[in-house]
């Protein structure tokens, strides 16, 4: 990370000074007003802010706690050891990211002087403003974001081992720089940078580790969604099941359980979304688009397209062109 940024992040904080001179407990009043140790976004964020950062408190065990926000931890140097949901040990090393939703319960073992980590404090609604930057119909990116902002009581985390992915490291550094310096248009910059970061992370699904409880289902969901994103023209369940050493029936059940949709529904959604994009963004003949997204039955395509969008493909294109001219 940039030397100037490290000079801003490395100094011992007032809280850490108290710890170094003998205070052996975290002062919970800094973090919460409740009896249970749930770190409160109202304590961590200025009023009106949806995202901010603070350096992780070193030199002491940070006791088990939850958050009422989404936390992303990034290691600038060194490493930290996390005990998540009571039984899962995660070692977060330099350049890697740990995403925790608000139901995850975790403890952080003592960090040393050179173990400099950044906590991104993010309200769930921040992602509502970031998502439009992503392809709104990309099921894979939606799945990853929903894992973090889900409105259930299911704890979840994503551990990204991306220390060697240069674009991701650059985007994180840009985001940290902006959050520290708070330019006048910082909110738009933060949203744009986070959107770009997620675009990069979607390409690194093989570098994710998940919570044990949901690991098998998360793995299946991401493999299936990535397969469809990359092979939607020719994708079929038989080929996928064979590549994953699963029976068609068992894989179908796992897909439905982990995504809430069948393989056919996921594939059809992707194909229709792609066809709508091509109708809007290109002048390609409709028959060519139908073939390009994986259909050879034009009447079937026209029927399902109209069921989805309430318009024929030609009407959809004409409406988009008309809207563009009036903008």
Protein backbone atom coordinates (compact mmCIF):
# COMPACT_ATOMS: atom_id res chain seq x y z
CA UNK A 1 0.00 0.00 0.00
CA UNK A 2 1.06 3.59 -0.66
CA UNK A 3 3.63 4.88 1.86
CA UNK A 4 1.66 8.04 2.57
CA UNK A 5 -1.44 6.00 3.42
CA UNK A 6 0.55 3.66 5.64
CA UNK A 7 1.94 6.65 7.52
CA UNK A 8 -1.68 7.68 8.23
CA UNK A 9 -2.78 4.20 9.30
CA UNK A 10 0.16 2.95 11.36
CA UNK A 11 0.31 5.38 14.33
CA UNK A 12 -0.87 4.10 17.71
CA UNK A 13 -4.39 5.35 18.49
CA UNK A 14 -5.56 6.79 21.81
CA UNK A 15 -7.36 3.52 22.53
CA UNK A 16 -4.18 1.54 21.83
CA UNK A 17 -2.12 3.86 24.04
CA UNK A 18 -4.39 3.00 26.99
CA UNK A 19 -3.94 -0.68 26.24
CA UNK A 20 -0.15 -0.37 26.10
CA UNK A 21 0.02 1.32 29.51
CA UNK A 22 -1.99 -1.42 31.17
CA UNK A 23 -5.68 -1.34 30.21
CA UNK A 24 -6.35 -5.05 29.65
CA UNK A 25 -9.93 -4.81 28.40
CA UNK A 26 -11.62 -3.30 25.39
CA UNK A 27 -13.66 -0.28 26.41
CA UNK A 28 -17.05 -1.39 25.12
CA UNK A 29 -18.53 2.07 25.57
CA UNK A 30 -16.58 3.13 22.49
CA UNK A 31 -18.47 0.60 20.44
CA UNK A 32 -21.93 0.00 21.89
CA UNK A 33 -24.62 1.08 24.33
CA UNK A 34 -26.16 -2.39 24.67
CA UNK A 35 -25.38 -5.03 27.27
CA UNK A 36 -24.45 -7.61 24.66
CA UNK A 37 -21.38 -6.80 22.57
CA UNK A 38 -22.97 -5.74 19.27
CA UNK A 39 -20.94 -2.96 17.72
CA UNK A 40 -23.31 -0.16 16.82
CA UNK A 41 -23.07 1.69 13.51
CA UNK A 42 -24.31 4.82 15.29
CA UNK A 43 -21.08 4.77 17.30
CA UNK A 44 -18.89 4.05 14.29
CA UNK A 45 -20.40 6.29 11.60
CA UNK A 46 -21.07 9.98 11.45
CA UNK A 47 -24.75 10.77 10.96
CA UNK A 48 -25.72 10.44 7.31
CA UNK A 49 -22.71 8.34 6.28
CA UNK A 50 -23.20 4.87 4.83
CA UNK A 51 -19.54 3.82 4.83
CA UNK A 52 -16.34 4.66 6.70
CA UNK A 53 -13.13 3.03 7.90
CA UNK A 54 -11.18 2.65 11.10
CA UNK A 55 -7.99 0.76 11.87
CA UNK A 56 -8.29 -2.48 13.81
CA UNK A 57 -7.40 -2.18 17.51
CA UNK A 58 -4.05 -3.92 18.15
CA UNK A 59 -2.21 -5.31 21.20
CA UNK A 60 -5.24 -6.99 22.82
CA UNK A 61 -7.74 -9.77 22.24
CA UNK A 62 -10.83 -8.20 20.68
CA UNK A 63 -13.63 -10.22 22.34
CA UNK A 64 -16.41 -12.02 20.49
CA UNK A 65 -18.91 -9.58 19.07
CA UNK A 66 -21.45 -8.93 16.32
CA UNK A 67 -22.17 -5.81 14.26
CA UNK A 68 -25.43 -4.19 13.18
CA UNK A 69 -23.74 -3.43 9.85
CA UNK A 70 -21.66 -5.21 7.22
CA UNK A 71 -17.93 -5.31 7.95
CA UNK A 72 -15.11 -5.78 5.48
CA UNK A 73 -11.64 -6.20 6.94
CA UNK A 74 -8.54 -5.72 4.81
CA UNK A 75 -4.98 -6.42 5.94
CA UNK A 76 -2.46 -3.76 4.87
CA UNK A 77 0.48 -5.52 6.53
CA UNK A 78 0.92 -8.54 8.78
CA UNK A 79 -2.05 -10.75 9.65
CA UNK A 80 -4.93 -11.21 12.08
CA UNK A 81 -6.53 -14.37 13.40
CA UNK A 82 -10.32 -14.51 13.63
CA UNK A 83 -12.53 -17.03 15.43
CA UNK A 84 -15.85 -16.87 13.58
CA UNK A 85 -19.15 -18.17 14.95
CA UNK A 86 -17.29 -19.85 17.81
CA UNK A 87 -15.55 -22.61 15.90
CA UNK A 88 -14.03 -21.43 12.62
CA UNK A 89 -10.47 -20.10 12.56
CA UNK A 90 -9.65 -17.71 9.71
CA UNK A 91 -6.19 -16.20 9.31
CA UNK A 92 -6.44 -12.98 7.33
CA UNK A 93 -3.11 -12.25 5.68
CA UNK A 94 -1.71 -9.18 3.93
CA UNK A 95 -3.74 -8.12 0.89
CA UNK A 96 -6.72 -10.34 1.63
CA UNK A 97 -10.33 -9.45 2.47
CA UNK A 98 -12.81 -10.78 5.02
CA UNK A 99 -16.48 -9.93 4.49
CA UNK A 100 -18.79 -10.44 7.49
CA UNK A 101 -22.53 -9.98 7.49
CA UNK A 102 -24.26 -8.54 10.52
CA UNK A 103 -25.14 -11.95 11.99
CA UNK A 104 -21.57 -13.25 12.13
CA UNK A 105 -20.12 -13.55 15.64
CA UNK A 106 -16.35 -13.29 15.83
CA UNK A 107 -13.34 -12.75 18.04
CA UNK A 108 -9.96 -11.39 16.89
CA UNK A 109 -6.78 -12.56 18.60
CA UNK A 110 -4.17 -9.95 19.61
CA UNK A 111 -2.42 -8.18 16.74
CA UNK A 112 1.08 -6.73 16.85
CA UNK A 113 2.45 -3.33 15.87
CA UNK A 114 2.96 -4.33 12.23
CA UNK A 115 -0.40 -6.11 11.92
CA UNK A 116 -2.30 -3.21 10.40
CA UNK A 117 -5.84 -3.98 9.36
CA UNK A 118 -8.63 -1.73 8.16
CA UNK A 119 -12.27 -2.21 9.09
CA UNK A 120 -14.73 -0.96 6.49
CA UNK A 121 -18.00 -0.13 8.29
CA UNK A 122 -20.85 -0.37 5.78
CA UNK A 123 -24.59 -0.04 6.21
CA UNK A 124 -26.57 -2.57 4.11
CA UNK A 125 -28.28 0.22 2.19
CA UNK A 126 -24.90 1.30 0.80
CA UNK A 127 -25.05 -1.76 -1.45
CA UNK A 128 -28.48 -0.72 -2.70
CA UNK A 129 -26.71 2.23 -4.27
CA UNK A 130 -23.73 0.18 -5.47
CA UNK A 131 -25.74 -2.60 -7.15
CA UNK A 132 -26.97 -0.48 -10.08
CA UNK A 133 -23.30 -0.13 -11.05
CA UNK A 134 -23.07 -3.87 -11.41
CA UNK A 135 -24.96 -5.62 -14.16
CA UNK A 136 -28.29 -5.70 -12.34
CA UNK A 137 -29.18 -9.03 -13.91
CA UNK A 138 -25.90 -10.76 -13.09
CA UNK A 139 -27.07 -13.58 -10.83
CA UNK A 140 -23.56 -14.28 -9.56
CA UNK A 141 -22.87 -10.75 -8.29
CA UNK A 142 -26.37 -10.58 -6.84
CA UNK A 143 -25.76 -13.85 -4.97
CA UNK A 144 -22.52 -12.58 -3.43
CA UNK A 145 -24.05 -9.28 -2.34
CA UNK A 146 -27.18 -10.99 -0.98
CA UNK A 147 -24.94 -13.30 1.07
CA UNK A 148 -23.73 -10.20 2.90
CA UNK A 149 -26.91 -8.16 3.18
CA UNK A 150 -29.42 -11.00 3.59
CA UNK A 151 -32.34 -10.19 5.87
CA UNK A 152 -32.33 -13.55 7.62
CA UNK A 153 -30.59 -14.41 10.90
CA UNK A 154 -28.07 -16.64 9.13
CA UNK A 155 -24.44 -15.83 9.88
CA UNK A 156 -22.17 -15.73 6.88
CA UNK A 157 -18.72 -14.64 5.78
CA UNK A 158 -16.63 -14.56 2.60
CA UNK A 159 -12.83 -14.81 2.80
CA UNK A 160 -11.19 -13.55 -0.40
CA UNK A 161 -7.55 -14.54 -0.98
CA UNK A 162 -6.74 -11.86 -3.55
CA UNK A 163 -3.41 -10.44 -2.39
CA UNK A 164 -1.87 -10.93 -5.85
CA UNK A 165 -4.73 -9.46 -7.91
CA UNK A 166 -3.42 -6.00 -8.84
CA UNK A 167 -6.72 -4.37 -9.91
CA UNK A 168 -8.35 -5.36 -6.61
CA UNK A 169 -5.42 -4.04 -4.58
CA UNK A 170 -5.50 -0.75 -6.50
CA UNK A 171 -9.25 -0.31 -5.97
CA UNK A 172 -8.96 -0.97 -2.23
CA UNK A 173 -6.16 1.57 -1.97
CA UNK A 174 -8.25 4.10 -3.90
CA UNK A 175 -11.22 3.50 -1.60
CA UNK A 176 -9.09 3.86 1.54
CA UNK A 177 -7.52 7.05 0.23
CA UNK A 178 -10.90 8.61 -0.50
CA UNK A 179 -12.41 7.61 2.85
CA UNK A 180 -9.46 9.13 4.69
CA UNK A 181 -9.38 12.35 2.68
CA UNK A 182 -13.17 12.80 2.27
CA UNK A 183 -13.34 14.80 -0.95
CA UNK A 184 -16.47 16.86 -1.55
CA UNK A 185 -17.91 14.22 -3.93
CA UNK A 186 -16.66 11.29 -1.89
CA UNK A 187 -20.00 9.48 -1.73
CA UNK A 188 -20.20 9.03 -5.48
CA UNK A 189 -16.53 8.06 -5.63
CA UNK A 190 -16.99 5.50 -2.82
CA UNK A 191 -19.99 3.92 -4.55
CA UNK A 192 -18.25 3.79 -7.91
CA UNK A 193 -15.07 2.31 -6.43
CA UNK A 194 -16.99 -0.31 -4.45
CA UNK A 195 -18.96 -1.21 -7.58
CA UNK A 196 -15.73 -1.68 -9.54
CA UNK A 197 -14.30 -3.72 -6.67
CA UNK A 198 -17.26 -6.10 -6.77
CA UNK A 199 -16.95 -6.40 -10.54
CA UNK A 200 -13.40 -7.61 -9.99
CA UNK A 201 -14.34 -9.91 -7.09
CA UNK A 202 -17.03 -11.61 -9.19
CA UNK A 203 -14.18 -12.80 -11.44
CA UNK A 204 -12.34 -14.35 -8.48
CA UNK A 205 -14.91 -16.83 -7.15
CA UNK A 206 -12.31 -19.61 -7.03
CA UNK A 207 -10.48 -17.57 -4.38
CA UNK A 208 -13.38 -17.46 -1.89
CA UNK A 209 -13.60 -19.45 1.32
CA UNK A 210 -16.98 -19.61 3.10
CA UNK A 211 -18.41 -20.39 6.48
CA UNK A 212 -18.50 -24.14 7.16
CA UNK A 213 -22.25 -24.25 7.72
CA UNK A 214 -23.05 -23.06 4.20
CA UNK A 215 -19.88 -24.03 2.37
CA UNK A 216 -21.26 -26.87 0.23
CA UNK A 217 -24.32 -24.92 -0.84
CA UNK A 218 -22.40 -21.70 -1.49
CA UNK A 219 -19.84 -23.63 -3.53
CA UNK A 220 -22.54 -25.27 -5.63
CA UNK A 221 -24.42 -22.00 -6.14
CA UNK A 222 -21.35 -20.09 -7.27
CA UNK A 223 -20.15 -22.87 -9.58
CA UNK A 224 -23.58 -23.12 -11.18
CA UNK A 225 -24.03 -19.36 -11.57
CA UNK A 226 -20.53 -18.92 -12.97
CA UNK A 227 -21.08 -21.81 -15.39
CA UNK A 228 -24.28 -20.19 -16.66
CA UNK A 229 -22.67 -16.73 -16.94
CA UNK A 230 -19.84 -18.13 -19.04
CA UNK A 231 -21.69 -20.79 -21.06
CA UNK A 232 -25.30 -19.64 -21.31
CA UNK A 233 -25.56 -20.34 -25.05
CA UNK A 234 -24.77 -24.06 -24.73
CA UNK A 235 -25.25 -24.70 -20.99
CA UNK A 236 -27.17 -27.80 -19.95
CA UNK A 237 -27.71 -29.54 -16.66
CA UNK A 238 -26.43 -32.94 -17.81
CA UNK A 239 -23.01 -31.56 -18.76
CA UNK A 240 -22.77 -29.56 -15.54
CA UNK A 241 -23.77 -32.52 -13.35
CA UNK A 242 -21.14 -34.69 -15.02
CA UNK A 243 -18.41 -32.07 -14.54
CA UNK A 244 -19.32 -31.80 -10.85
CA UNK A 245 -19.59 -35.59 -10.34
CA UNK A 246 -23.21 -35.24 -9.24
CA UNK A 247 -26.38 -36.96 -10.33
CA UNK A 248 -28.82 -34.72 -12.16
CA UNK A 249 -31.45 -35.16 -9.45
CA UNK A 250 -29.14 -34.37 -6.51
CA UNK A 251 -27.60 -31.36 -8.28
CA UNK A 252 -31.07 -30.06 -9.15
CA UNK A 253 -32.06 -30.21 -5.48
CA UNK A 254 -28.89 -28.42 -4.38
CA UNK A 255 -29.36 -25.68 -6.98
CA UNK A 256 -32.94 -25.09 -5.89
CA UNK A 257 -31.97 -25.09 -2.20
CA UNK A 258 -29.01 -22.72 -2.60
CA UNK A 259 -30.43 -20.26 -5.14
CA UNK A 260 -34.20 -20.56 -4.78
CA UNK A 261 -34.50 -21.26 -8.52
CA UNK A 262 -34.21 -24.28 -10.80
CA UNK A 263 -31.38 -24.65 -13.29
CA UNK A 264 -33.84 -24.03 -16.12
CA UNK A 265 -35.06 -20.81 -14.50
CA UNK A 266 -31.51 -19.52 -13.92
CA UNK A 267 -30.48 -20.31 -17.48
CA UNK A 268 -33.62 -18.78 -18.98
CA UNK A 269 -33.18 -15.61 -16.90
CA UNK A 270 -29.60 -15.23 -18.10
CA UNK A 271 -30.53 -15.79 -21.74
CA UNK A 272 -33.44 -13.34 -21.61
CA UNK A 273 -31.32 -10.73 -19.80
CA UNK A 274 -28.61 -11.08 -22.42
CA UNK A 275 -31.09 -10.85 -25.28
CA UNK A 276 -32.58 -7.68 -23.78
CA UNK A 277 -29.08 -6.20 -23.52
CA UNK A 278 -28.30 -7.03 -27.14
CA UNK A 279 -31.62 -5.58 -28.31
CA UNK A 280 -30.81 -2.33 -26.50
CA UNK A 281 -27.10 -2.04 -27.23
CA UNK A 282 -26.79 -3.39 -30.81
CA UNK A 283 -28.46 -3.29 -34.22
CA UNK A 284 -28.16 -7.04 -34.67
CA UNK A 285 -31.16 -8.73 -36.30
CA UNK A 286 -33.53 -10.27 -33.77
CA UNK A 287 -33.13 -13.73 -35.32
CA UNK A 288 -29.35 -13.49 -34.82
CA UNK A 289 -29.81 -12.46 -31.18
CA UNK A 290 -32.13 -15.40 -30.57
CA UNK A 291 -29.46 -17.76 -31.86
CA UNK A 292 -26.65 -16.00 -29.99
CA UNK A 293 -28.31 -16.46 -26.60
CA UNK A 294 -28.93 -20.16 -27.14
CA UNK A 295 -32.37 -20.60 -28.68
CA UNK A 296 -33.23 -22.18 -32.02
CA UNK A 297 -37.02 -22.05 -31.64
CA UNK A 298 -37.94 -18.44 -32.46
CA UNK A 299 -41.63 -18.76 -31.61
CA UNK A 300 -40.76 -20.14 -28.15
CA UNK A 301 -38.30 -17.29 -27.59
CA UNK A 302 -40.88 -14.66 -28.59
CA UNK A 303 -43.40 -16.17 -26.18
CA UNK A 304 -41.13 -16.29 -23.13
CA UNK A 305 -39.65 -12.87 -23.92
CA UNK A 306 -43.11 -11.29 -23.98
CA UNK A 307 -44.04 -13.10 -20.75
CA UNK A 308 -40.95 -11.61 -19.11
CA UNK A 309 -41.02 -8.04 -20.46
CA UNK A 310 -44.62 -7.55 -21.59
CA UNK A 311 -43.38 -6.62 -25.08
CA UNK A 312 -42.24 -8.43 -28.17
CA UNK A 313 -38.50 -8.20 -28.91
CA UNK A 314 -39.16 -5.60 -31.63
CA UNK A 315 -41.40 -3.54 -29.37
CA UNK A 316 -38.77 -3.73 -26.62
CA UNK A 317 -36.05 -2.46 -28.98
CA UNK A 318 -38.28 0.29 -30.38
CA UNK A 319 -39.18 1.47 -26.88
CA UNK A 320 -35.53 1.56 -25.80
CA UNK A 321 -34.56 3.52 -28.90
CA UNK A 322 -37.40 5.97 -28.32
CA UNK A 323 -36.40 6.47 -24.69
CA UNK A 324 -32.77 7.07 -25.68
CA UNK A 325 -33.78 9.79 -28.16
CA UNK A 326 -35.78 11.68 -25.53
CA UNK A 327 -32.96 11.65 -22.98
